[in-house]
Amino acid sequence: MKLNWKRILIIQTAFIGDVVLTLPLLQVLRRNFPEAKIDFMLIPKTAELLKNHPDVDEVIIFDKKGKDSGVVGLMRMARIISDKKYDVAFIPHRSFRSALLPSVAGVKVRVGFDKSAFRFLYTHIVKYEMIHEIERNLSLLKPFGISHNFKELPNIFPSEEDKLYVDEILSGINSKIIGIAPGSVWATKRWLKERYAQLSNLLANDGYAIALIGGAEDFELCEEIKKITDSDRVFNFCGKLSLLQSAELIRRCLLLVTNDSAPMHIAVGMRTPVVAIFGSTVPEFGFYPYGDKDKIIQIENLYCKPCGIHGRRSCPEGHFKCMRLIEVENVYRGVKNLIQEI
């Protein structure tokens, strides 16, 4: 099938991790259409991830919960899309707005999943398979015979200024750094803070510096972990770095210990090995760390696991066994085993 696409749009207006996992789709499209204009629509919180990425031409910000909310905002964004005259829109995000926008805008070829809301608005519907999200997003290319021959990892590009800033904040640290990202929007995705503190103590006693990583919303959690640890080798960087600066900090880490959350996917994009702790969610959903050496630690065969694809605000059974049964020694052993491999 000969394709003469000159203008391509990708719509992914979900969370940080979702955008990272959509980058391979962008990258494969760029390799196949080197002369095309490829734009990427996302929300304000995730826009920085595309900064400096050589495969995107324009980032279109859809502030769907702010100035672009409601019917008026939706129609304004539809006009923007219509004016750009895209040949095709790829829509990994499964929301009704993501399906509605390119349809109202008159994009002739609209590609999305069969699990999407308003999927009847798509011209090409692809089966949502239980494979890794990167591979799932790339499957949107199948109707057009576009394939890739190797494992496609996301690429993230901190600037030279970002690198210099991270140089500055790490200037007093002379030890190898292990990153720990203990936060998550969902409470049932968070391993216990006391155990993160115990793990930090063990690793600090081994001579490593510990970088606590996350957004401003994770600052208090990480302060508590730091206080419990009571070590001068533990540093709280939450809320002090931009997204790309955080990515650069993760790149400097020997490895990252994290919950099932955005830093896990950013680490893959920066080629930093991961020890991922899964609680209420399961890798089978397709959102596990995608690196070759990455490790997953979880309690299997619990009757109540998984209790939701995104996790929950609290354990619906009240016992939180999916996280409480994961002992510090299990994670510490996973970290030490991974260190031996890298």
C-alpha atoms as a PDB file:
ATOM      1  CA  MET A   1       0.000   0.000   0.000  1.00  0.00           C
ATOM      2  CA  LYS A   2       1.479   3.294  -1.129  1.00  0.00           C
ATOM      3  CA  LEU A   3       0.897   6.061   1.381  1.00  0.00           C
ATOM      4  CA  ASN A   4       1.373   9.700   0.545  1.00  0.00           C
ATOM      5  CA  TRP A   5       0.782  11.232   3.944  1.00  0.00           C
ATOM      6  CA  LYS A   6       2.123  14.765   4.203  1.00  0.00           C
ATOM      7  CA  ARG A   7       0.546  15.752   7.516  1.00  0.00           C
ATOM      8  CA  ILE A   8       0.201  13.332  10.437  1.00  0.00           C
ATOM      9  CA  LEU A   9      -1.353  13.913  13.872  1.00  0.00           C
ATOM     10  CA  ILE A  10      -0.911  11.811  17.022  1.00  0.00           C
ATOM     11  CA  ILE A  11      -3.408  12.410  19.844  1.00  0.00           C
ATOM     12  CA  GLN A  12      -2.409  11.309  23.355  1.00  0.00           C
ATOM     13  CA  THR A  13      -3.949  13.497  26.028  1.00  0.00           C
ATOM     14  CA  ALA A  14      -3.551  11.109  28.981  1.00  0.00           C
ATOM     15  CA  PHE A  15      -0.820  11.018  31.642  1.00  0.00           C
ATOM     16  CA  ILE A  16       2.974  11.330  31.523  1.00  0.00           C
ATOM     17  CA  GLY A  17       3.599   7.600  31.260  1.00  0.00           C
ATOM     18  CA  ASP A  18       1.075   7.270  28.437  1.00  0.00           C
ATOM     19  CA  VAL A  19       2.880   9.928  26.406  1.00  0.00           C
ATOM     20  CA  VAL A  20       6.254   8.221  26.957  1.00  0.00           C
ATOM     21  CA  LEU A  21       4.750   4.942  25.740  1.00  0.00           C
ATOM     22  CA  THR A  22       3.429   6.680  22.607  1.00  0.00           C
ATOM     23  CA  LEU A  23       6.864   8.007  21.594  1.00  0.00           C
ATOM     24  CA  PRO A  24       7.837   4.796  19.737  1.00  0.00           C
ATOM     25  CA  LEU A  25       4.794   5.319  17.490  1.00  0.00           C
ATOM     26  CA  LEU A  26       6.069   8.818  16.718  1.00  0.00           C
ATOM     27  CA  GLN A  27       9.565   7.502  16.056  1.00  0.00           C
ATOM     28  CA  VAL A  28       8.455   4.746  13.673  1.00  0.00           C
ATOM     29  CA  LEU A  29       6.221   7.177  11.791  1.00  0.00           C
ATOM     30  CA  ARG A  30       9.146   9.560  11.369  1.00  0.00           C
ATOM     31  CA  ARG A  31      11.368   6.831   9.948  1.00  0.00           C
ATOM     32  CA  ASN A  32       8.673   5.854   7.467  1.00  0.00           C
ATOM     33  CA  PHE A  33       7.669   9.414   6.562  1.00  0.00           C
ATOM     34  CA  PRO A  34      10.847  11.498   6.859  1.00  0.00           C
ATOM     35  CA  GLU A  35       9.427  14.413   4.856  1.00  0.00           C
ATOM     36  CA  ALA A  36       5.994  14.548   6.492  1.00  0.00           C
ATOM     37  CA  LYS A  37       4.873  17.090   9.067  1.00  0.00           C
ATOM     38  CA  ILE A  38       4.187  15.090  12.240  1.00  0.00           C
ATOM     39  CA  ASP A  39       2.414  16.864  15.098  1.00  0.00           C
ATOM     40  CA  PHE A  40       1.563  15.595  18.577  1.00  0.00           C
ATOM     41  CA  MET A  41      -1.421  16.692  20.662  1.00  0.00           C
ATOM     42  CA  LEU A  42      -1.173  16.412  24.461  1.00  0.00           C
ATOM     43  CA  ILE A  43      -2.092  18.203  27.685  1.00  0.00           C
ATOM     44  CA  PRO A  44      -0.092  21.030  29.367  1.00  0.00           C
ATOM     45  CA  LYS A  45       1.346  18.766  32.091  1.00  0.00           C
ATOM     46  CA  THR A  46       3.010  16.434  29.581  1.00  0.00           C
ATOM     47  CA  ALA A  47       4.056  18.933  26.889  1.00  0.00           C
ATOM     48  CA  GLU A  48       7.642  19.235  28.101  1.00  0.00           C
ATOM     49  CA  LEU A  49       8.291  15.568  27.262  1.00  0.00           C
ATOM     50  CA  LEU A  50       8.243  16.418  23.549  1.00  0.00           C
ATOM     51  CA  LYS A  51      10.595  19.360  23.898  1.00  0.00           C
ATOM     52  CA  ASN A  52      13.761  18.766  21.848  1.00  0.00           C
ATOM     53  CA  HIS A  53      12.387  15.556  20.315  1.00  0.00           C
ATOM     54  CA  PRO A  54      13.716  15.539  16.735  1.00  0.00           C
ATOM     55  CA  ASP A  55      10.811  13.475  15.353  1.00  0.00           C
ATOM     56  CA  VAL A  56       8.011  15.932  16.137  1.00  0.00           C
ATOM     57  CA  ASP A  57       7.341  19.121  14.204  1.00  0.00           C
ATOM     58  CA  GLU A  58       4.756  20.809  16.396  1.00  0.00           C
ATOM     59  CA  VAL A  59       3.310  20.156  19.842  1.00  0.00           C
ATOM     60  CA  ILE A  60      -0.370  21.083  20.122  1.00  0.00           C
ATOM     61  CA  ILE A  61      -1.540  21.620  23.677  1.00  0.00           C
ATOM     62  CA  PHE A  62      -5.117  20.648  24.494  1.00  0.00           C
ATOM     63  CA  ASP A  63      -5.940  22.078  27.919  1.00  0.00           C
ATOM     64  CA  LYS A  64      -9.042  19.915  28.247  1.00  0.00           C
ATOM     65  CA  LYS A  65      -9.525  20.616  31.958  1.00  0.00           C
ATOM     66  CA  GLY A  66      -8.743  24.309  31.666  1.00  0.00           C
ATOM     67  CA  LYS A  67      -9.280  26.857  28.900  1.00  0.00           C
ATOM     68  CA  ASP A  68     -10.235  24.179  26.355  1.00  0.00           C
ATOM     69  CA  SER A  69     -12.851  22.482  28.528  1.00  0.00           C
ATOM     70  CA  GLY A  70     -16.454  22.110  27.417  1.00  0.00           C
ATOM     71  CA  VAL A  71     -18.012  22.303  23.972  1.00  0.00           C
ATOM     72  CA  VAL A  72     -16.503  25.724  23.169  1.00  0.00           C
ATOM     73  CA  GLY A  73     -12.960  24.515  23.873  1.00  0.00           C
ATOM     74  CA  LEU A  74     -13.525  21.301  21.949  1.00  0.00           C
ATOM     75  CA  MET A  75     -14.738  23.209  18.896  1.00  0.00           C
ATOM     76  CA  ARG A  76     -11.794  25.606  19.113  1.00  0.00           C
ATOM     77  CA  MET A  77      -9.364  22.671  19.064  1.00  0.00           C
ATOM     78  CA  ALA A  78     -11.301  21.074  16.205  1.00  0.00           C
ATOM     79  CA  ARG A  79     -10.844  24.260  14.163  1.00  0.00           C
ATOM     80  CA  ILE A  80      -7.095  24.197  14.859  1.00  0.00           C
ATOM     81  CA  ILE A  81      -6.906  20.605  13.623  1.00  0.00           C
ATOM     82  CA  SER A  82      -9.079  21.379  10.600  1.00  0.00           C
ATOM     83  CA  ASP A  83      -6.892  24.320   9.578  1.00  0.00           C
ATOM     84  CA  LYS A  84      -3.804  22.088   9.536  1.00  0.00           C
ATOM     85  CA  LYS A  85      -5.408  19.686   7.040  1.00  0.00           C
ATOM     86  CA  TYR A  86      -4.022  16.438   8.409  1.00  0.00           C
ATOM     87  CA  ASP A  87      -4.111  13.368   6.189  1.00  0.00           C
ATOM     88  CA  VAL A  88      -4.299  10.954   9.105  1.00  0.00           C
ATOM     89  CA  ALA A  89      -4.751  10.963  12.879  1.00  0.00           C
ATOM     90  CA  PHE A  90      -3.473   8.178  15.133  1.00  0.00           C
ATOM     91  CA  ILE A  91      -5.374   8.075  18.423  1.00  0.00           C
ATOM     92  CA  PRO A  92      -3.882   5.759  21.085  1.00  0.00           C
ATOM     93  CA  HIS A  93      -5.874   7.554  23.788  1.00  0.00           C
ATOM     94  CA  ARG A  94      -9.244   5.893  24.192  1.00  0.00           C
ATOM     95  CA  SER A  95     -11.383   8.821  25.405  1.00  0.00           C
ATOM     96  CA  PHE A  96     -14.463  10.156  23.606  1.00  0.00           C
ATOM     97  CA  ARG A  97     -12.860  13.600  23.157  1.00  0.00           C
ATOM     98  CA  SER A  98      -9.831  12.101  21.442  1.00  0.00           C
ATOM     99  CA  ALA A  99     -12.124  10.269  19.031  1.00  0.00           C
ATOM    100  CA  LEU A 100     -14.443  13.223  18.493  1.00  0.00           C
ATOM    101  CA  LEU A 101     -11.835  15.900  17.746  1.00  0.00           C
ATOM    102  CA  PRO A 102     -10.348  14.580  14.473  1.00  0.00           C
ATOM    103  CA  SER A 103     -13.784  13.505  13.271  1.00  0.00           C
ATOM    104  CA  VAL A 104     -15.336  16.942  13.777  1.00  0.00           C
ATOM    105  CA  ALA A 105     -12.184  18.460  12.242  1.00  0.00           C
ATOM    106  CA  GLY A 106     -12.643  16.413   9.085  1.00  0.00           C
ATOM    107  CA  VAL A 107      -9.460  14.335   9.194  1.00  0.00           C
ATOM    108  CA  LYS A 108     -10.135  11.705   6.532  1.00  0.00           C
ATOM    109  CA  VAL A 109      -8.181   8.800   8.059  1.00  0.00           C
ATOM    110  CA  ARG A 110      -8.718   8.238  11.787  1.00  0.00           C
ATOM    111  CA  VAL A 111      -7.127   5.239  13.516  1.00  0.00           C
ATOM    112  CA  GLY A 112      -7.914   3.974  17.017  1.00  0.00           C
ATOM    113  CA  PHE A 113      -8.677   0.928  19.163  1.00  0.00           C
ATOM    114  CA  ASP A 114     -11.817  -1.157  19.377  1.00  0.00           C
ATOM    115  CA  LYS A 115     -11.925  -0.471  23.134  1.00  0.00           C
ATOM    116  CA  SER A 116     -12.111   3.284  22.576  1.00  0.00           C
ATOM    117  CA  ALA A 117     -15.123   5.394  23.393  1.00  0.00           C
ATOM    118  CA  PHE A 118     -16.828   6.631  20.210  1.00  0.00           C
ATOM    119  CA  ARG A 119     -14.850   4.084  18.165  1.00  0.00           C
ATOM    120  CA  PHE A 120     -17.561   4.276  15.483  1.00  0.00           C
ATOM    121  CA  LEU A 121     -15.972   7.601  14.479  1.00  0.00           C
ATOM    122  CA  TYR A 122     -12.770   5.875  13.354  1.00  0.00           C
ATOM    123  CA  THR A 123     -12.128   4.874   9.757  1.00  0.00           C
ATOM    124  CA  HIS A 124      -9.708   2.122  10.876  1.00  0.00           C
ATOM    125  CA  ILE A 125     -10.343   0.179  14.102  1.00  0.00           C
ATOM    126  CA  VAL A 126      -7.533  -1.938  15.566  1.00  0.00           C
ATOM    127  CA  LYS A 127      -7.996  -4.706  18.140  1.00  0.00           C
ATOM    128  CA  TYR A 128      -6.799  -3.733  21.631  1.00  0.00           C
ATOM    129  CA  GLU A 129      -4.561  -6.688  22.474  1.00  0.00           C
ATOM    130  CA  MET A 130      -3.091  -7.613  25.856  1.00  0.00           C
ATOM    131  CA  ILE A 131       0.500  -6.877  24.856  1.00  0.00           C
ATOM    132  CA  HIS A 132       2.905  -4.163  26.005  1.00  0.00           C
ATOM    133  CA  GLU A 133       1.485  -0.677  25.492  1.00  0.00           C
ATOM    134  CA  ILE A 134       4.374   0.275  23.195  1.00  0.00           C
ATOM    135  CA  GLU A 135       3.602  -2.685  20.936  1.00  0.00           C
ATOM    136  CA  ARG A 136      -0.120  -1.975  21.246  1.00  0.00           C
ATOM    137  CA  ASN A 137       0.342   1.612  20.078  1.00  0.00           C
ATOM    138  CA  LEU A 138       2.531   0.449  17.205  1.00  0.00           C
ATOM    139  CA  SER A 139      -0.230  -1.961  16.170  1.00  0.00           C
ATOM    140  CA  LEU A 140      -2.168   1.116  14.987  1.00  0.00           C
ATOM    141  CA  LEU A 141       0.165   1.011  11.978  1.00  0.00           C
ATOM    142  CA  LYS A 142      -0.862  -2.522  10.956  1.00  0.00           C
ATOM    143  CA  PRO A 143      -3.790  -1.538   8.696  1.00  0.00           C
ATOM    144  CA  PHE A 144      -1.265   0.266   6.499  1.00  0.00           C
ATOM    145  CA  GLY A 145       1.383  -2.457   6.336  1.00  0.00           C
ATOM    146  CA  ILE A 146       3.907  -0.423   8.352  1.00  0.00           C
ATOM    147  CA  SER A 147       6.144  -2.624  10.476  1.00  0.00           C
ATOM    148  CA  HIS A 148       9.320  -2.333  12.541  1.00  0.00           C
ATOM    149  CA  ASN A 149      12.074  -4.897  12.873  1.00  0.00           C
ATOM    150  CA  PHE A 150      13.387  -4.383  16.394  1.00  0.00           C
ATOM    151  CA  LYS A 151      12.296  -3.501  19.919  1.00  0.00           C
ATOM    152  CA  GLU A 152      11.393   0.174  19.764  1.00  0.00           C
ATOM    153  CA  LEU A 153      12.204   2.066  22.975  1.00  0.00           C
ATOM    154  CA  PRO A 154      11.032   5.616  23.665  1.00  0.00           C
ATOM    155  CA  ASN A 155      13.578   8.405  23.347  1.00  0.00           C
ATOM    156  CA  ILE A 156      13.557  11.480  25.609  1.00  0.00           C
ATOM    157  CA  PHE A 157      15.836  14.472  25.067  1.00  0.00           C
ATOM    158  CA  PRO A 158      16.861  16.711  27.998  1.00  0.00           C
ATOM    159  CA  SER A 159      18.584  19.893  26.840  1.00  0.00           C
ATOM    160  CA  GLU A 160      22.172  20.899  27.562  1.00  0.00           C
ATOM    161  CA  GLU A 161      20.774  23.359  30.116  1.00  0.00           C
ATOM    162  CA  ASP A 162      18.920  20.510  31.814  1.00  0.00           C
ATOM    163  CA  LYS A 163      22.136  18.493  31.981  1.00  0.00           C
ATOM    164  CA  LEU A 164      24.086  21.418  33.436  1.00  0.00           C
ATOM    165  CA  TYR A 165      21.411  21.974  36.063  1.00  0.00           C
ATOM    166  CA  VAL A 166      21.550  18.320  37.113  1.00  0.00           C
ATOM    167  CA  ASP A 167      25.350  18.587  37.197  1.00  0.00           C
ATOM    168  CA  GLU A 168      24.923  21.439  39.665  1.00  0.00           C
ATOM    169  CA  ILE A 169      22.473  19.734  42.012  1.00  0.00           C
ATOM    170  CA  LEU A 170      24.591  16.563  42.073  1.00  0.00           C
ATOM    171  CA  SER A 171      27.898  18.383  42.505  1.00  0.00           C
ATOM    172  CA  GLY A 172      28.301  17.396  46.154  1.00  0.00           C
ATOM    173  CA  ILE A 173      27.463  13.731  45.622  1.00  0.00           C
ATOM    174  CA  ASN A 174      30.467  11.517  44.953  1.00  0.00           C
ATOM    175  CA  SER A 175      28.805   8.108  45.303  1.00  0.00           C
ATOM    176  CA  LYS A 176      26.925   6.089  42.711  1.00  0.00           C
ATOM    177  CA  ILE A 177      23.264   7.062  42.803  1.00  0.00           C
ATOM    178  CA  ILE A 178      20.237   4.824  43.105  1.00  0.00           C
ATOM    179  CA  GLY A 179      16.940   6.524  42.295  1.00  0.00           C
ATOM    180  CA  ILE A 180      13.762   5.809  44.226  1.00  0.00           C
ATOM    181  CA  ALA A 181      10.368   7.019  42.969  1.00  0.00           C
ATOM    182  CA  PRO A 182       7.856   6.147  45.727  1.00  0.00           C
ATOM    183  CA  GLY A 183       4.865   8.159  44.527  1.00  0.00           C
ATOM    184  CA  SER A 184       1.751   7.474  42.465  1.00  0.00           C
ATOM    185  CA  VAL A 185      -1.592   9.140  41.921  1.00  0.00           C
ATOM    186  CA  TRP A 186      -3.168   5.888  43.108  1.00  0.00           C
ATOM    187  CA  ALA A 187      -2.657   4.804  46.726  1.00  0.00           C
ATOM    188  CA  THR A 188      -2.809   1.089  45.901  1.00  0.00           C
ATOM    189  CA  LYS A 189       0.165   1.478  43.577  1.00  0.00           C
ATOM    190  CA  ARG A 190       2.384   2.826  46.371  1.00  0.00           C
ATOM    191  CA  TRP A 191       4.632   0.499  48.350  1.00  0.00           C
ATOM    192  CA  LEU A 192       4.749   1.421  52.045  1.00  0.00           C
ATOM    193  CA  LYS A 193       6.831   4.505  52.846  1.00  0.00           C
ATOM    194  CA  GLU A 194       8.400   2.806  55.882  1.00  0.00           C
ATOM    195  CA  ARG A 195       9.720   0.061  53.631  1.00  0.00           C
ATOM    196  CA  TYR A 196      11.102   2.538  51.131  1.00  0.00           C
ATOM    197  CA  ALA A 197      12.912   4.114  54.094  1.00  0.00           C
ATOM    198  CA  GLN A 198      14.284   0.753  55.219  1.00  0.00           C
ATOM    199  CA  LEU A 199      15.426   0.004  51.666  1.00  0.00           C
ATOM    200  CA  SER A 200      17.086   3.435  51.477  1.00  0.00           C
ATOM    201  CA  ASN A 201      18.951   2.706  54.712  1.00  0.00           C
ATOM    202  CA  LEU A 202      20.228  -0.626  53.431  1.00  0.00           C
ATOM    203  CA  LEU A 203      21.433   0.901  50.164  1.00  0.00           C
ATOM    204  CA  ALA A 204      22.936   3.951  51.893  1.00  0.00           C
ATOM    205  CA  ASN A 205      24.841   1.598  54.198  1.00  0.00           C
ATOM    206  CA  ASP A 206      26.159  -0.123  51.068  1.00  0.00           C
ATOM    207  CA  GLY A 207      27.680   3.205  50.050  1.00  0.00           C
ATOM    208  CA  TYR A 208      25.096   4.430  47.525  1.00  0.00           C
ATOM    209  CA  ALA A 209      23.518   7.860  47.444  1.00  0.00           C
ATOM    210  CA  ILE A 210      19.710   7.777  47.253  1.00  0.00           C
ATOM    211  CA  ALA A 211      17.855  10.234  45.012  1.00  0.00           C
ATOM    212  CA  LEU A 212      14.149  10.495  45.849  1.00  0.00           C
ATOM    213  CA  ILE A 213      12.409  11.399  42.599  1.00  0.00           C
ATOM    214  CA  GLY A 214       8.905  12.641  41.805  1.00  0.00           C
ATOM    215  CA  GLY A 215       6.718  15.685  41.287  1.00  0.00           C
ATOM    216  CA  ALA A 216       5.793  18.418  43.731  1.00  0.00           C
ATOM    217  CA  GLU A 217       2.877  16.253  44.890  1.00  0.00           C
ATOM    218  CA  ASP A 218       5.406  13.657  46.111  1.00  0.00           C
ATOM    219  CA  PHE A 219       7.528  16.081  48.145  1.00  0.00           C
ATOM    220  CA  GLU A 220       5.901  15.463  51.552  1.00  0.00           C
ATOM    221  CA  LEU A 221       5.941  11.693  51.065  1.00  0.00           C
ATOM    222  CA  CYS A 222       9.641  11.790  50.239  1.00  0.00           C
ATOM    223  CA  GLU A 223      10.367  14.125  53.146  1.00  0.00           C
ATOM    224  CA  GLU A 224       8.790  11.548  55.449  1.00  0.00           C
ATOM    225  CA  ILE A 225      10.890   8.786  53.893  1.00  0.00           C
ATOM    226  CA  LYS A 226      14.005  10.912  54.280  1.00  0.00           C
ATOM    227  CA  LYS A 227      13.234  11.645  57.956  1.00  0.00           C
ATOM    228  CA  ILE A 228      12.594   7.988  58.727  1.00  0.00           C
ATOM    229  CA  THR A 229      15.823   7.036  56.984  1.00  0.00           C
ATOM    230  CA  ASP A 230      17.817   9.718  58.820  1.00  0.00           C
ATOM    231  CA  SER A 231      20.814   9.425  56.518  1.00  0.00           C
ATOM    232  CA  ASP A 232      22.924  12.125  54.933  1.00  0.00           C
ATOM    233  CA  ARG A 233      23.074   9.967  51.804  1.00  0.00           C
ATOM    234  CA  VAL A 234      19.345  10.453  51.032  1.00  0.00           C
ATOM    235  CA  PHE A 235      18.340  13.470  48.905  1.00  0.00           C
ATOM    236  CA  ASN A 236      14.805  14.635  48.142  1.00  0.00           C
ATOM    237  CA  PHE A 237      14.542  16.108  44.623  1.00  0.00           C
ATOM    238  CA  CYS A 238      10.741  15.984  44.380  1.00  0.00           C
ATOM    239  CA  GLY A 239       9.236  19.135  42.947  1.00  0.00           C
ATOM    240  CA  LYS A 240      12.668  20.697  42.382  1.00  0.00           C
ATOM    241  CA  LEU A 241      13.128  19.568  38.778  1.00  0.00           C
ATOM    242  CA  SER A 242      11.249  19.889  35.527  1.00  0.00           C
ATOM    243  CA  LEU A 243      10.165  16.738  33.690  1.00  0.00           C
ATOM    244  CA  LEU A 244      13.242  16.716  31.466  1.00  0.00           C
ATOM    245  CA  GLN A 245      15.544  17.519  34.370  1.00  0.00           C
ATOM    246  CA  SER A 246      14.008  14.598  36.259  1.00  0.00           C
ATOM    247  CA  ALA A 247      14.620  12.422  33.202  1.00  0.00           C
ATOM    248  CA  GLU A 248      18.258  13.506  33.169  1.00  0.00           C
ATOM    249  CA  LEU A 249      18.569  12.758  36.891  1.00  0.00           C
ATOM    250  CA  ILE A 250      17.113   9.294  36.280  1.00  0.00           C
ATOM    251  CA  ARG A 251      19.666   8.814  33.495  1.00  0.00           C
ATOM    252  CA  ARG A 252      22.456   9.471  36.019  1.00  0.00           C
ATOM    253  CA  CYS A 253      21.151   6.769  38.369  1.00  0.00           C
ATOM    254  CA  LEU A 254      22.662   3.312  38.440  1.00  0.00           C
ATOM    255  CA  LEU A 255      19.073   2.046  38.550  1.00  0.00           C
ATOM    256  CA  LEU A 256      15.612   3.190  39.582  1.00  0.00           C
ATOM    257  CA  VAL A 257      13.347   1.555  42.174  1.00  0.00           C
ATOM    258  CA  THR A 258       9.782   2.612  41.463  1.00  0.00           C
ATOM    259  CA  ASN A 259       6.115   1.803  41.731  1.00  0.00           C
ATOM    260  CA  ASP A 260       4.033   1.210  38.609  1.00  0.00           C
ATOM    261  CA  SER A 261       4.110   4.901  37.675  1.00  0.00           C
ATOM    262  CA  ALA A 262       5.470   7.434  35.178  1.00  0.00           C
ATOM    263  CA  PRO A 263       9.130   7.420  36.393  1.00  0.00           C
ATOM    264  CA  MET A 264       9.264   3.729  35.482  1.00  0.00           C
ATOM    265  CA  HIS A 265       8.562   4.557  31.827  1.00  0.00           C
ATOM    266  CA  ILE A 266      10.832   7.614  31.859  1.00  0.00           C
ATOM    267  CA  ALA A 267      13.660   5.370  33.104  1.00  0.00           C
ATOM    268  CA  VAL A 268      13.134   3.091  30.095  1.00  0.00           C
ATOM    269  CA  GLY A 269      13.310   6.158  27.862  1.00  0.00           C
ATOM    270  CA  MET A 270      16.610   7.146  29.492  1.00  0.00           C
ATOM    271  CA  ARG A 271      17.957   3.540  29.388  1.00  0.00           C
ATOM    272  CA  THR A 272      18.198   3.274  33.173  1.00  0.00           C
ATOM    273  CA  PRO A 273      17.482  -0.229  34.539  1.00  0.00           C
ATOM    274  CA  VAL A 274      14.366  -0.553  36.682  1.00  0.00           C
ATOM    275  CA  VAL A 275      13.198  -2.532  39.690  1.00  0.00           C
ATOM    276  CA  ALA A 276       9.422  -2.060  39.551  1.00  0.00           C
ATOM    277  CA  ILE A 277       7.113  -2.838  42.473  1.00  0.00           C
ATOM    278  CA  PHE A 278       3.600  -3.826  41.387  1.00  0.00           C
ATOM    279  CA  GLY A 279       0.756  -3.812  43.897  1.00  0.00           C
ATOM    280  CA  SER A 280      -2.862  -3.695  42.788  1.00  0.00           C
ATOM    281  CA  THR A 281      -2.027  -3.699  39.072  1.00  0.00           C
ATOM    282  CA  VAL A 282      -0.407  -6.460  37.020  1.00  0.00           C
ATOM    283  CA  PRO A 283       2.166  -6.456  34.192  1.00  0.00           C
ATOM    284  CA  GLU A 284      -0.341  -8.272  31.965  1.00  0.00           C
ATOM    285  CA  PHE A 285      -2.137  -4.958  31.415  1.00  0.00           C
ATOM    286  CA  GLY A 286       0.852  -4.006  29.246  1.00  0.00           C
ATOM    287  CA  PHE A 287       2.383  -1.223  31.316  1.00  0.00           C
ATOM    288  CA  TYR A 288       5.415  -3.039  32.697  1.00  0.00           C
ATOM    289  CA  PRO A 289       8.985  -1.690  32.316  1.00  0.00           C
ATOM    290  CA  TYR A 290      10.155  -2.462  28.783  1.00  0.00           C
ATOM    291  CA  GLY A 291      13.943  -2.615  29.225  1.00  0.00           C
ATOM    292  CA  ASP A 292      15.771  -5.912  28.735  1.00  0.00           C
ATOM    293  CA  LYS A 293      17.198  -6.054  32.272  1.00  0.00           C
ATOM    294  CA  ASP A 294      14.267  -4.570  34.152  1.00  0.00           C
ATOM    295  CA  LYS A 295      12.828  -6.547  37.061  1.00  0.00           C
ATOM    296  CA  ILE A 296       9.311  -6.738  38.470  1.00  0.00           C
ATOM    297  CA  ILE A 297       8.561  -7.542  42.104  1.00  0.00           C
ATOM    298  CA  GLN A 298       5.002  -8.449  43.023  1.00  0.00           C
ATOM    299  CA  ILE A 299       2.842 -10.852  44.993  1.00  0.00           C
ATOM    300  CA  GLU A 300       1.204 -13.273  42.583  1.00  0.00           C
ATOM    301  CA  ASN A 301      -1.940 -15.375  42.915  1.00  0.00           C
ATOM    302  CA  LEU A 302      -3.790 -13.040  45.250  1.00  0.00           C
ATOM    303  CA  TYR A 303      -7.560 -13.577  44.870  1.00  0.00           C
ATOM    304  CA  CYS A 304      -8.167  -9.809  44.714  1.00  0.00           C
ATOM    305  CA  LYS A 305      -5.359  -8.814  42.337  1.00  0.00           C
ATOM    306  CA  PRO A 306      -5.753  -6.885  40.098  1.00  0.00           C
ATOM    307  CA  CYS A 307      -8.498  -4.715  41.542  1.00  0.00           C
ATOM    308  CA  GLY A 308      -8.415  -2.199  38.672  1.00  0.00           C
ATOM    309  CA  ILE A 309      -6.374  -1.182  35.651  1.00  0.00           C
ATOM    310  CA  HIS A 310      -5.334   2.131  37.235  1.00  0.00           C
ATOM    311  CA  GLY A 311      -5.186   1.170  40.891  1.00  0.00           C
ATOM    312  CA  ARG A 312      -7.493   2.625  43.558  1.00  0.00           C
ATOM    313  CA  ARG A 313      -7.620   5.304  46.240  1.00  0.00           C
ATOM    314  CA  SER A 314      -7.647   2.582  48.895  1.00  0.00           C
ATOM    315  CA  CYS A 315      -7.673  -1.203  49.111  1.00  0.00           C
ATOM    316  CA  PRO A 316     -11.275  -2.378  48.499  1.00  0.00           C
ATOM    317  CA  GLU A 317     -10.635  -5.447  50.689  1.00  0.00           C
ATOM    318  CA  GLY A 318      -9.066  -3.442  53.512  1.00  0.00           C
ATOM    319  CA  HIS A 319      -5.937  -5.588  53.909  1.00  0.00           C
ATOM    320  CA  PHE A 320      -3.646  -4.188  51.146  1.00  0.00           C
ATOM    321  CA  LYS A 321      -1.852  -7.537  50.925  1.00  0.00           C
ATOM    322  CA  CYS A 322      -0.609  -6.836  47.392  1.00  0.00           C
ATOM    323  CA  MET A 323       1.876  -4.353  48.898  1.00  0.00           C
ATOM    324  CA  ARG A 324       2.082  -5.383  52.545  1.00  0.00           C
ATOM    325  CA  LEU A 325       3.327  -8.856  51.614  1.00  0.00           C
ATOM    326  CA  ILE A 326       6.265  -7.411  49.657  1.00  0.00           C
ATOM    327  CA  GLU A 327       9.081  -7.389  52.202  1.00  0.00           C
ATOM    328  CA  VAL A 328      12.082  -5.050  52.155  1.00  0.00           C
ATOM    329  CA  GLU A 329      14.429  -8.000  51.745  1.00  0.00           C
ATOM    330  CA  ASN A 330      12.668  -9.027  48.509  1.00  0.00           C
ATOM    331  CA  VAL A 331      13.201  -5.616  46.930  1.00  0.00           C
ATOM    332  CA  TYR A 332      16.725  -5.250  48.313  1.00  0.00           C
ATOM    333  CA  ARG A 333      17.647  -8.618  46.829  1.00  0.00           C
ATOM    334  CA  GLY A 334      16.143  -7.574  43.491  1.00  0.00           C
ATOM    335  CA  VAL A 335      18.209  -4.388  43.512  1.00  0.00           C
ATOM    336  CA  LYS A 336      21.429  -6.225  44.358  1.00  0.00           C
ATOM    337  CA  ASN A 337      20.791  -8.843  41.660  1.00  0.00           C
ATOM    338  CA  LEU A 338      20.197  -6.133  39.078  1.00  0.00           C
ATOM    339  CA  ILE A 339      23.384  -4.303  40.099  1.00  0.00           C
ATOM    340  CA  GLN A 340      25.328  -7.498  39.398  1.00  0.00           C
ATOM    341  CA  GLU A 341      23.846  -7.634  35.885  1.00  0.00           C
ATOM    342  CA  ILE A 342      24.622  -4.076  34.836  1.00  0.00           C
END
